[in-house]
Amino acid sequence: MPTYLVERVIPPAFDIEDPAVVALHSRWAADAYQATGIVWLGGVATDRGNMFSVVVADGVDAIKRYCASLGIAEAEFKVSAVKAVIGPHVAMARDDPRYRPPRTL
């Protein structure tokens, strides 16, 4: 199944500094994702007022159904297809002959 990045503005009622509010919103998201057949891999909230979630879904229509189930208008979110997964879990071993250390400045 394809992987997507879902971006939206943090709702005014979502106080990301309050662990209880974060837990409540995370439960709502987890339940809504599951109800629409989407696998939520997690997300982040930024200091710029946006939230990003990484999801695995059959397609963008499933993500639109998820957003609609939470009352999020289509103009309030953006979906991007993930083209590659990057991070330490896919990092090349340092003993690989193709490895070269990063430049130092």
PDB file of N, CA and C in Angstrom:
ATOM      1  N   MET A   1       0.836  -1.184   0.000  1.00  0.00           N
ATOM      2  CA  MET A   1       0.000   0.000   0.000  1.00  0.00           C
ATOM      3  C   MET A   1       0.878   1.244   0.000  1.00  0.00           C
ATOM      4  N   PRO A   2       0.425   2.293  -0.653  1.00  0.00           N
ATOM      5  CA  PRO A   2       1.215   3.528  -0.701  1.00  0.00           C
ATOM      6  C   PRO A   2       1.293   4.227   0.661  1.00  0.00           C
ATOM      7  N   THR A   3       2.353   4.982   0.825  1.00  0.00           N
ATOM      8  CA  THR A   3       2.577   5.772   2.034  1.00  0.00           C
ATOM      9  C   THR A   3       2.401   7.246   1.694  1.00  0.00           C
ATOM     10  N   TYR A   4       1.790   7.988   2.614  1.00  0.00           N
ATOM     11  CA  TYR A   4       1.501   9.404   2.388  1.00  0.00           C
ATOM     12  C   TYR A   4       1.911  10.236   3.594  1.00  0.00           C
ATOM     13  N   LEU A   5       2.209  11.499   3.322  1.00  0.00           N
ATOM     14  CA  LEU A   5       2.412  12.500   4.355  1.00  0.00           C
ATOM     15  C   LEU A   5       1.185  13.402   4.343  1.00  0.00           C
ATOM     16  N   VAL A   6       0.533  13.524   5.489  1.00  0.00           N
ATOM     17  CA  VAL A   6      -0.658  14.362   5.619  1.00  0.00           C
ATOM     18  C   VAL A   6      -0.271  15.578   6.463  1.00  0.00           C
ATOM     19  N   GLU A   7      -0.490  16.764   5.901  1.00  0.00           N
ATOM     20  CA  GLU A   7      -0.157  18.007   6.587  1.00  0.00           C
ATOM     21  C   GLU A   7      -1.429  18.807   6.842  1.00  0.00           C
ATOM     22  N   ARG A   8      -1.502  19.392   8.024  1.00  0.00           N
ATOM     23  CA  ARG A   8      -2.615  20.282   8.336  1.00  0.00           C
ATOM     24  C   ARG A   8      -2.206  21.254   9.425  1.00  0.00           C
ATOM     25  N   VAL A   9      -2.983  22.299   9.580  1.00  0.00           N
ATOM     26  CA  VAL A   9      -2.742  23.279  10.629  1.00  0.00           C
ATOM     27  C   VAL A   9      -3.217  22.693  11.957  1.00  0.00           C
ATOM     28  N   ILE A  10      -2.483  22.984  13.019  1.00  0.00           N
ATOM     29  CA  ILE A  10      -2.896  22.534  14.352  1.00  0.00           C
ATOM     30  C   ILE A  10      -4.178  23.276  14.723  1.00  0.00           C
ATOM     31  N   PRO A  11      -5.242  22.545  15.071  1.00  0.00           N
ATOM     32  CA  PRO A  11      -6.497  23.207  15.450  1.00  0.00           C
ATOM     33  C   PRO A  11      -6.318  24.072  16.699  1.00  0.00           C
ATOM     34  N   PRO A  12      -7.035  25.191  16.800  1.00  0.00           N
ATOM     35  CA  PRO A  12      -6.899  26.080  17.964  1.00  0.00           C
ATOM     36  C   PRO A  12      -7.139  25.370  19.300  1.00  0.00           C
ATOM     37  N   ALA A  13      -8.033  24.386  19.337  1.00  0.00           N
ATOM     38  CA  ALA A  13      -8.341  23.688  20.596  1.00  0.00           C
ATOM     39  C   ALA A  13      -7.301  22.624  20.949  1.00  0.00           C
ATOM     40  N   PHE A  14      -6.306  22.412  20.089  1.00  0.00           N
ATOM     41  CA  PHE A  14      -5.298  21.383  20.315  1.00  0.00           C
ATOM     42  C   PHE A  14      -4.061  22.029  20.939  1.00  0.00           C
ATOM     43  N   ASP A  15      -3.985  21.983  22.268  1.00  0.00           N
ATOM     44  CA  ASP A  15      -2.841  22.537  22.995  1.00  0.00           C
ATOM     45  C   ASP A  15      -1.743  21.477  23.028  1.00  0.00           C
ATOM     46  N   ILE A  16      -0.770  21.608  22.137  1.00  0.00           N
ATOM     47  CA  ILE A  16       0.281  20.587  22.035  1.00  0.00           C
ATOM     48  C   ILE A  16       1.208  20.574  23.253  1.00  0.00           C
ATOM     49  N   GLU A  17       1.059  21.544  24.148  1.00  0.00           N
ATOM     50  CA  GLU A  17       1.865  21.579  25.373  1.00  0.00           C
ATOM     51  C   GLU A  17       1.217  20.773  26.505  1.00  0.00           C
ATOM     52  N   ASP A  18      -0.033  20.377  26.337  1.00  0.00           N
ATOM     53  CA  ASP A  18      -0.779  19.666  27.380  1.00  0.00           C
ATOM     54  C   ASP A  18      -0.827  18.177  27.043  1.00  0.00           C
ATOM     55  N   PRO A  19      -0.118  17.328  27.804  1.00  0.00           N
ATOM     56  CA  PRO A  19      -0.082  15.895  27.506  1.00  0.00           C
ATOM     57  C   PRO A  19      -1.462  15.239  27.449  1.00  0.00           C
ATOM     58  N   ALA A  20      -2.408  15.690  28.271  1.00  0.00           N
ATOM     59  CA  ALA A  20      -3.748  15.100  28.254  1.00  0.00           C
ATOM     60  C   ALA A  20      -4.471  15.436  26.956  1.00  0.00           C
ATOM     61  N   VAL A  21      -4.301  16.649  26.464  1.00  0.00           N
ATOM     62  CA  VAL A  21      -4.919  17.055  25.204  1.00  0.00           C
ATOM     63  C   VAL A  21      -4.273  16.305  24.040  1.00  0.00           C
ATOM     64  N   VAL A  22      -2.948  16.167  24.074  1.00  0.00           N
ATOM     65  CA  VAL A  22      -2.249  15.405  23.032  1.00  0.00           C
ATOM     66  C   VAL A  22      -2.734  13.957  23.031  1.00  0.00           C
ATOM     67  N   ALA A  23      -2.901  13.371  24.215  1.00  0.00           N
ATOM     68  CA  ALA A  23      -3.384  11.990  24.312  1.00  0.00           C
ATOM     69  C   ALA A  23      -4.795  11.854  23.750  1.00  0.00           C
ATOM     70  N   LEU A  24      -5.664  12.816  24.042  1.00  0.00           N
ATOM     71  CA  LEU A  24      -7.033  12.781  23.538  1.00  0.00           C
ATOM     72  C   LEU A  24      -7.060  12.899  22.015  1.00  0.00           C
ATOM     73  N   HIS A  25      -6.344  13.867  21.471  1.00  0.00           N
ATOM     74  CA  HIS A  25      -6.322  14.048  20.017  1.00  0.00           C
ATOM     75  C   HIS A  25      -5.682  12.842  19.320  1.00  0.00           C
ATOM     76  N   SER A  26      -4.664  12.272  19.956  1.00  0.00           N
ATOM     77  CA  SER A  26      -4.033  11.076  19.384  1.00  0.00           C
ATOM     78  C   SER A  26      -5.003   9.901  19.362  1.00  0.00           C
ATOM     79  N   ARG A  27      -5.823   9.762  20.401  1.00  0.00           N
ATOM     80  CA  ARG A  27      -6.831   8.690  20.428  1.00  0.00           C
ATOM     81  C   ARG A  27      -7.856   8.907  19.331  1.00  0.00           C
ATOM     82  N   TRP A  28      -8.342  10.167  19.186  1.00  0.00           N
ATOM     83  CA  TRP A  28      -9.301  10.455  18.118  1.00  0.00           C
ATOM     84  C   TRP A  28      -8.708  10.109  16.756  1.00  0.00           C
ATOM     85  N   ALA A  29      -7.464  10.510  16.529  1.00  0.00           N
ATOM     86  CA  ALA A  29      -6.820  10.241  15.241  1.00  0.00           C
ATOM     87  C   ALA A  29      -6.653   8.741  15.026  1.00  0.00           C
ATOM     88  N   ALA A  30      -6.160   8.037  16.036  1.00  0.00           N
ATOM     89  CA  ALA A  30      -5.942   6.593  15.898  1.00  0.00           C
ATOM     90  C   ALA A  30      -7.243   5.867  15.579  1.00  0.00           C
ATOM     91  N   ASP A  31      -8.310   6.220  16.291  1.00  0.00           N
ATOM     92  CA  ASP A  31      -9.600   5.573  16.051  1.00  0.00           C
ATOM     93  C   ASP A  31     -10.151   5.899  14.669  1.00  0.00           C
ATOM     94  N   ALA A  32     -10.038   7.168  14.262  1.00  0.00           N
ATOM     95  CA  ALA A  32     -10.542   7.570  12.942  1.00  0.00           C
ATOM     96  C   ALA A  32      -9.730   6.937  11.825  1.00  0.00           C
ATOM     97  N   TYR A  33      -8.414   6.882  11.967  1.00  0.00           N
ATOM     98  CA  TYR A  33      -7.584   6.220  10.953  1.00  0.00           C
ATOM     99  C   TYR A  33      -7.971   4.747  10.839  1.00  0.00           C
ATOM    100  N   GLN A  34      -8.088   4.080  11.978  1.00  0.00           N
ATOM    101  CA  GLN A  34      -8.432   2.652  11.960  1.00  0.00           C
ATOM    102  C   GLN A  34      -9.797   2.428  11.314  1.00  0.00           C
ATOM    103  N   ALA A  35     -10.758   3.284  11.621  1.00  0.00           N
ATOM    104  CA  ALA A  35     -12.109   3.131  11.072  1.00  0.00           C
ATOM    105  C   ALA A  35     -12.139   3.283   9.554  1.00  0.00           C
ATOM    106  N   THR A  36     -11.175   3.997   8.997  1.00  0.00           N
ATOM    107  CA  THR A  36     -11.136   4.195   7.547  1.00  0.00           C
ATOM    108  C   THR A  36     -10.120   3.271   6.864  1.00  0.00           C
ATOM    109  N   GLY A  37      -9.555   2.326   7.628  1.00  0.00           N
ATOM    110  CA  GLY A  37      -8.635   1.355   7.046  1.00  0.00           C
ATOM    111  C   GLY A  37      -7.244   1.893   6.773  1.00  0.00           C
ATOM    112  N   ILE A  38      -6.889   2.955   7.455  1.00  0.00           N
ATOM    113  CA  ILE A  38      -5.568   3.571   7.278  1.00  0.00           C
ATOM    114  C   ILE A  38      -4.678   3.178   8.441  1.00  0.00           C
ATOM    115  N   VAL A  39      -3.401   2.916   8.154  1.00  0.00           N
ATOM    116  CA  VAL A  39      -2.425   2.641   9.202  1.00  0.00           C
ATOM    117  C   VAL A  39      -1.675   3.948   9.478  1.00  0.00           C
ATOM    118  N   TRP A  40      -1.776   4.421  10.717  1.00  0.00           N
ATOM    119  CA  TRP A  40      -1.106   5.657  11.130  1.00  0.00           C
ATOM    120  C   TRP A  40       0.240   5.282  11.710  1.00  0.00           C
ATOM    121  N   LEU A  41       1.323   5.742  11.090  1.00  0.00           N
ATOM    122  CA  LEU A  41       2.664   5.426  11.560  1.00  0.00           C
ATOM    123  C   LEU A  41       3.177   6.434  12.575  1.00  0.00           C
ATOM    124  N   GLY A  42       2.449   7.524  12.757  1.00  0.00           N
ATOM    125  CA  GLY A  42       2.830   8.537  13.734  1.00  0.00           C
ATOM    126  C   GLY A  42       2.901   9.902  13.085  1.00  0.00           C
ATOM    127  N   GLY A  43       3.216  10.883  13.891  1.00  0.00           N
ATOM    128  CA  GLY A  43       3.287  12.227  13.363  1.00  0.00           C
ATOM    129  C   GLY A  43       4.019  13.159  14.297  1.00  0.00           C
ATOM    130  N   VAL A  44       4.066  14.412  13.890  1.00  0.00           N
ATOM    131  CA  VAL A  44       4.724  15.448  14.679  1.00  0.00           C
ATOM    132  C   VAL A  44       3.930  16.740  14.568  1.00  0.00           C
ATOM    133  N   ALA A  45       4.078  17.588  15.586  1.00  0.00           N
ATOM    134  CA  ALA A  45       3.549  18.945  15.561  1.00  0.00           C
ATOM    135  C   ALA A  45       4.751  19.885  15.604  1.00  0.00           C
ATOM    136  N   THR A  46       4.711  20.948  14.801  1.00  0.00           N
ATOM    137  CA  THR A  46       5.870  21.839  14.714  1.00  0.00           C
ATOM    138  C   THR A  46       5.598  23.172  15.390  1.00  0.00           C
ATOM    139  N   ASP A  47       6.682  23.931  15.568  1.00  0.00           N
ATOM    140  CA  ASP A  47       6.563  25.267  16.147  1.00  0.00           C
ATOM    141  C   ASP A  47       6.007  26.270  15.134  1.00  0.00           C
ATOM    142  N   ARG A  48       5.799  25.847  13.908  1.00  0.00           N
ATOM    143  CA  ARG A  48       5.209  26.708  12.877  1.00  0.00           C
ATOM    144  C   ARG A  48       3.695  26.547  12.802  1.00  0.00           C
ATOM    145  N   GLY A  49       3.128  25.742  13.695  1.00  0.00           N
ATOM    146  CA  GLY A  49       1.675  25.604  13.752  1.00  0.00           C
ATOM    147  C   GLY A  49       1.104  24.538  12.837  1.00  0.00           C
ATOM    148  N   ASN A  50       1.941  23.630  12.347  1.00  0.00           N
ATOM    149  CA  ASN A  50       1.471  22.552  11.476  1.00  0.00           C
ATOM    150  C   ASN A  50       1.672  21.198  12.144  1.00  0.00           C
ATOM    151  N   MET A  51       0.856  20.248  11.712  1.00  0.00           N
ATOM    152  CA  MET A  51       1.011  18.846  12.112  1.00  0.00           C
ATOM    153  C   MET A  51       1.268  18.030  10.853  1.00  0.00           C
ATOM    154  N   PHE A  52       2.081  17.003  10.981  1.00  0.00           N
ATOM    155  CA  PHE A  52       2.387  16.104   9.882  1.00  0.00           C
ATOM    156  C   PHE A  52       2.198  14.681  10.374  1.00  0.00           C
ATOM    157  N   SER A  53       1.504  13.867   9.603  1.00  0.00           N
ATOM    158  CA  SER A  53       1.331  12.448   9.922  1.00  0.00           C
ATOM    159  C   SER A  53       1.797  11.614   8.742  1.00  0.00           C
ATOM    160  N   VAL A  54       2.416  10.494   9.036  1.00  0.00           N
ATOM    161  CA  VAL A  54       2.793   9.530   8.011  1.00  0.00           C
ATOM    162  C   VAL A  54       1.794   8.383   8.113  1.00  0.00           C
ATOM    163  N   VAL A  55       1.146   8.078   6.985  1.00  0.00           N
ATOM    164  CA  VAL A  55       0.114   7.045   6.973  1.00  0.00           C
ATOM    165  C   VAL A  55       0.307   6.113   5.785  1.00  0.00           C
ATOM    166  N   VAL A  56      -0.224   4.914   5.930  1.00  0.00           N
ATOM    167  CA  VAL A  56      -0.277   3.945   4.841  1.00  0.00           C
ATOM    168  C   VAL A  56      -1.753   3.762   4.518  1.00  0.00           C
ATOM    169  N   ALA A  57      -2.107   4.011   3.256  1.00  0.00           N
ATOM    170  CA  ALA A  57      -3.519   3.969   2.869  1.00  0.00           C
ATOM    171  C   ALA A  57      -3.663   3.437   1.447  1.00  0.00           C
ATOM    172  N   ASP A  58      -4.863   2.951   1.152  1.00  0.00           N
ATOM    173  CA  ASP A  58      -5.148   2.476  -0.202  1.00  0.00           C
ATOM    174  C   ASP A  58      -5.095   3.600  -1.225  1.00  0.00           C
ATOM    175  N   GLY A  59      -5.306   4.824  -0.800  1.00  0.00           N
ATOM    176  CA  GLY A  59      -5.260   5.957  -1.711  1.00  0.00           C
ATOM    177  C   GLY A  59      -5.678   7.234  -1.029  1.00  0.00           C
ATOM    178  N   VAL A  60      -5.613   8.330  -1.767  1.00  0.00           N
ATOM    179  CA  VAL A  60      -5.952   9.644  -1.236  1.00  0.00           C
ATOM    180  C   VAL A  60      -7.424   9.707  -0.824  1.00  0.00           C
ATOM    181  N   ASP A  61      -8.294   8.990  -1.512  1.00  0.00           N
ATOM    182  CA  ASP A  61      -9.718   8.999  -1.143  1.00  0.00           C
ATOM    183  C   ASP A  61      -9.941   8.502   0.282  1.00  0.00           C
ATOM    184  N   ALA A  62      -9.163   7.525   0.711  1.00  0.00           N
ATOM    185  CA  ALA A  62      -9.282   7.031   2.090  1.00  0.00           C
ATOM    186  C   ALA A  62      -8.882   8.124   3.074  1.00  0.00           C
ATOM    187  N   ILE A  63      -7.868   8.884   2.736  1.00  0.00           N
ATOM    188  CA  ILE A  63      -7.427   9.980   3.602  1.00  0.00           C
ATOM    189  C   ILE A  63      -8.488  11.077   3.642  1.00  0.00           C
ATOM    190  N   LYS A  64      -9.114  11.338   2.519  1.00  0.00           N
ATOM    191  CA  LYS A  64     -10.205  12.323   2.489  1.00  0.00           C
ATOM    192  C   LYS A  64     -11.364  11.865   3.369  1.00  0.00           C
ATOM    193  N   ARG A  65     -11.677  10.573   3.350  1.00  0.00           N
ATOM    194  CA  ARG A  65     -12.740  10.044   4.220  1.00  0.00           C
ATOM    195  C   ARG A  65     -12.360  10.204   5.693  1.00  0.00           C
ATOM    196  N   TYR A  66     -11.106   9.945   6.008  1.00  0.00           N
ATOM    197  CA  TYR A  66     -10.621  10.119   7.380  1.00  0.00           C
ATOM    198  C   TYR A  66     -10.825  11.574   7.821  1.00  0.00           C
ATOM    199  N   CYS A  67     -10.366  12.505   7.008  1.00  0.00           N
ATOM    200  CA  CYS A  67     -10.486  13.924   7.362  1.00  0.00           C
ATOM    201  C   CYS A  67     -11.952  14.327   7.509  1.00  0.00           C
ATOM    202  N   ALA A  68     -12.781  13.881   6.600  1.00  0.00           N
ATOM    203  CA  ALA A  68     -14.214  14.199   6.677  1.00  0.00           C
ATOM    204  C   ALA A  68     -14.824  13.656   7.967  1.00  0.00           C
ATOM    205  N   SER A  69     -14.371  12.474   8.407  1.00  0.00           N
ATOM    206  CA  SER A  69     -14.922  11.877   9.629  1.00  0.00           C
ATOM    207  C   SER A  69     -14.600  12.714  10.862  1.00  0.00           C
ATOM    208  N   LEU A  70     -13.550  13.520  10.776  1.00  0.00           N
ATOM    209  CA  LEU A  70     -13.183  14.396  11.894  1.00  0.00           C
ATOM    210  C   LEU A  70     -13.623  15.839  11.662  1.00  0.00           C
ATOM    211  N   GLY A  71     -14.350  16.071  10.572  1.00  0.00           N
ATOM    212  CA  GLY A  71     -14.818  17.422  10.285  1.00  0.00           C
ATOM    213  C   GLY A  71     -13.752  18.347   9.726  1.00  0.00           C
ATOM    214  N   ILE A  72     -12.708  17.770   9.127  1.00  0.00           N
ATOM    215  CA  ILE A  72     -11.631  18.570   8.540  1.00  0.00           C
ATOM    216  C   ILE A  72     -11.960  18.799   7.076  1.00  0.00           C
ATOM    217  N   ALA A  73     -12.112  20.052   6.688  1.00  0.00           N
ATOM    218  CA  ALA A  73     -12.435  20.389   5.300  1.00  0.00           C
ATOM    219  C   ALA A  73     -11.239  20.106   4.392  1.00  0.00           C
ATOM    220  N   GLU A  74     -11.519  19.778   3.123  1.00  0.00           N
ATOM    221  CA  GLU A  74     -10.438  19.467   2.181  1.00  0.00           C
ATOM    222  C   GLU A  74      -9.435  20.601   2.038  1.00  0.00           C
ATOM    223  N   ALA A  75      -9.886  21.835   2.200  1.00  0.00           N
ATOM    224  CA  ALA A  75      -8.973  22.980   2.092  1.00  0.00           C
ATOM    225  C   ALA A  75      -8.021  23.077   3.291  1.00  0.00           C
ATOM    226  N   GLU A  76      -8.271  22.287   4.336  1.00  0.00           N
ATOM    227  CA  GLU A  76      -7.484  22.377   5.566  1.00  0.00           C
ATOM    228  C   GLU A  76      -6.393  21.323   5.690  1.00  0.00           C
ATOM    229  N   PHE A  77      -6.207  20.480   4.678  1.00  0.00           N
ATOM    230  CA  PHE A  77      -5.128  19.494   4.738  1.00  0.00           C
ATOM    231  C   PHE A  77      -4.510  19.316   3.359  1.00  0.00           C
ATOM    232  N   LYS A  78      -3.295  18.804   3.373  1.00  0.00           N
ATOM    233  CA  LYS A  78      -2.554  18.554   2.136  1.00  0.00           C
ATOM    234  C   LYS A  78      -1.980  17.144   2.223  1.00  0.00           C
ATOM    235  N   VAL A  79      -2.093  16.396   1.135  1.00  0.00           N
ATOM    236  CA  VAL A  79      -1.584  15.023   1.092  1.00  0.00           C
ATOM    237  C   VAL A  79      -0.476  14.954   0.040  1.00  0.00           C
ATOM    238  N   SER A  80       0.657  14.370   0.427  1.00  0.00           N
ATOM    239  CA  SER A  80       1.767  14.158  -0.496  1.00  0.00           C
ATOM    240  C   SER A  80       2.147  12.683  -0.480  1.00  0.00           C
ATOM    241  N   ALA A  81       2.396  12.123  -1.644  1.00  0.00           N
ATOM    242  CA  ALA A  81       2.849  10.732  -1.722  1.00  0.00           C
ATOM    243  C   ALA A  81       4.312  10.663  -1.289  1.00  0.00           C
ATOM    244  N   VAL A  82       4.630   9.671  -0.473  1.00  0.00           N
ATOM    245  CA  VAL A  82       6.012   9.454  -0.047  1.00  0.00           C
ATOM    246  C   VAL A  82       6.721   8.676  -1.151  1.00  0.00           C
ATOM    247  N   LYS A  83       7.826   9.212  -1.616  1.00  0.00           N
ATOM    248  CA  LYS A  83       8.588   8.577  -2.697  1.00  0.00           C
ATOM    249  C   LYS A  83       9.727   7.709  -2.177  1.00  0.00           C
ATOM    250  N   ALA A  84      10.249   8.028  -1.001  1.00  0.00           N
ATOM    251  CA  ALA A  84      11.335   7.237  -0.421  1.00  0.00           C
ATOM    252  C   ALA A  84      11.307   7.398   1.088  1.00  0.00           C
ATOM    253  N   VAL A  85      11.651   6.349   1.783  1.00  0.00           N
ATOM    254  CA  VAL A  85      11.771   6.388   3.235  1.00  0.00           C
ATOM    255  C   VAL A  85      13.243   6.573   3.556  1.00  0.00           C
ATOM    256  N   ILE A  86      13.542   7.571   4.369  1.00  0.00           N
ATOM    257  CA  ILE A  86      14.929   7.846   4.736  1.00  0.00           C
ATOM    258  C   ILE A  86      15.054   7.861   6.249  1.00  0.00           C
ATOM    259  N   GLY A  87      16.249   7.660   6.741  1.00  0.00           N
ATOM    260  CA  GLY A  87      16.484   7.707   8.178  1.00  0.00           C
ATOM    261  C   GLY A  87      17.554   6.714   8.592  1.00  0.00           C
ATOM    262  N   PRO A  88      17.858   6.686   9.883  1.00  0.00           N
ATOM    263  CA  PRO A  88      18.929   5.814  10.357  1.00  0.00           C
ATOM    264  C   PRO A  88      18.653   4.333  10.146  1.00  0.00           C
ATOM    265  N   HIS A  89      17.384   3.944  10.061  1.00  0.00           N
ATOM    266  CA  HIS A  89      17.041   2.533   9.888  1.00  0.00           C
ATOM    267  C   HIS A  89      17.406   2.015   8.495  1.00  0.00           C
ATOM    268  N   VAL A  90      17.701   2.903   7.544  1.00  0.00           N
ATOM    269  CA  VAL A  90      18.131   2.478   6.213  1.00  0.00           C
ATOM    270  C   VAL A  90      19.558   2.960   5.901  1.00  0.00           C
ATOM    271  N   ALA A  91      20.256   3.483   6.914  1.00  0.00           N
ATOM    272  CA  ALA A  91      21.604   4.024   6.709  1.00  0.00           C
ATOM    273  C   ALA A  91      22.590   2.926   6.322  1.00  0.00           C
ATOM    274  N   MET A  92      23.478   3.282   5.407  1.00  0.00           N
ATOM    275  CA  MET A  92      24.533   2.375   4.951  1.00  0.00           C
ATOM    276  C   MET A  92      25.508   2.100   6.101  1.00  0.00           C
ATOM    277  N   ALA A  93      26.018   0.907   6.163  1.00  0.00           N
ATOM    278  CA  ALA A  93      27.029   0.559   7.160  1.00  0.00           C
ATOM    279  C   ALA A  93      28.323   1.315   6.855  1.00  0.00           C
ATOM    280  N   ARG A  94      29.013   1.725   7.901  1.00  0.00           N
ATOM    281  CA  ARG A  94      30.263   2.459   7.699  1.00  0.00           C
ATOM    282  C   ARG A  94      31.350   1.601   7.046  1.00  0.00           C
ATOM    283  N   ASP A  95      31.221   0.269   7.157  1.00  0.00           N
ATOM    284  CA  ASP A  95      32.237  -0.589   6.530  1.00  0.00           C
ATOM    285  C   ASP A  95      31.913  -0.919   5.073  1.00  0.00           C
ATOM    286  N   ASP A  96      30.834  -0.371   4.544  1.00  0.00           N
ATOM    287  CA  ASP A  96      30.505  -0.543   3.120  1.00  0.00           C
ATOM    288  C   ASP A  96      31.554   0.213   2.300  1.00  0.00           C
ATOM    289  N   PRO A  97      32.107  -0.400   1.274  1.00  0.00           N
ATOM    290  CA  PRO A  97      33.166   0.263   0.493  1.00  0.00           C
ATOM    291  C   PRO A  97      32.703   1.553  -0.202  1.00  0.00           C
ATOM    292  N   ARG A  98      31.413   1.742  -0.362  1.00  0.00           N
ATOM    293  CA  ARG A  98      30.911   2.972  -0.999  1.00  0.00           C
ATOM    294  C   ARG A  98      30.777   4.121  -0.006  1.00  0.00           C
ATOM    295  N   TYR A  99      30.881   3.831   1.282  1.00  0.00           N
ATOM    296  CA  TYR A  99      30.707   4.858   2.304  1.00  0.00           C
ATOM    297  C   TYR A  99      31.852   5.857   2.279  1.00  0.00           C
ATOM    298  N   ARG A 100      31.518   7.116   2.452  1.00  0.00           N
ATOM    299  CA  ARG A 100      32.512   8.153   2.697  1.00  0.00           C
ATOM    300  C   ARG A 100      31.957   9.038   3.790  1.00  0.00           C
ATOM    301  N   PRO A 101      32.799   9.458   4.726  1.00  0.00           N
ATOM    302  CA  PRO A 101      32.320  10.298   5.816  1.00  0.00           C
ATOM    303  C   PRO A 101      31.902  11.684   5.302  1.00  0.00           C
ATOM    304  N   PRO A 102      31.022  12.354   6.020  1.00  0.00           N
ATOM    305  CA  PRO A 102      30.626  13.701   5.610  1.00  0.00           C
ATOM    306  C   PRO A 102      31.791  14.674   5.729  1.00  0.00           C
ATOM    307  N   ARG A 103      31.743  15.704   4.928  1.00  0.00           N
ATOM    308  CA  ARG A 103      32.778  16.746   4.989  1.00  0.00           C
ATOM    309  C   ARG A 103      32.655  17.507   6.305  1.00  0.00           C
ATOM    310  N   THR A 104      33.754  17.934   6.814  1.00  0.00           N
ATOM    311  CA  THR A 104      33.738  18.790   8.009  1.00  0.00           C
ATOM    312  C   THR A 104      34.004  20.218   7.561  1.00  0.00           C
ATOM    313  N   LEU A 105      33.336  21.138   8.190  1.00  0.00           N
ATOM    314  CA  LEU A 105      33.486  22.554   7.822  1.00  0.00           C
ATOM    315  C   LEU A 105      34.386  23.266   8.768  1.00  0.00           C
TER     316      LEU A 105
END
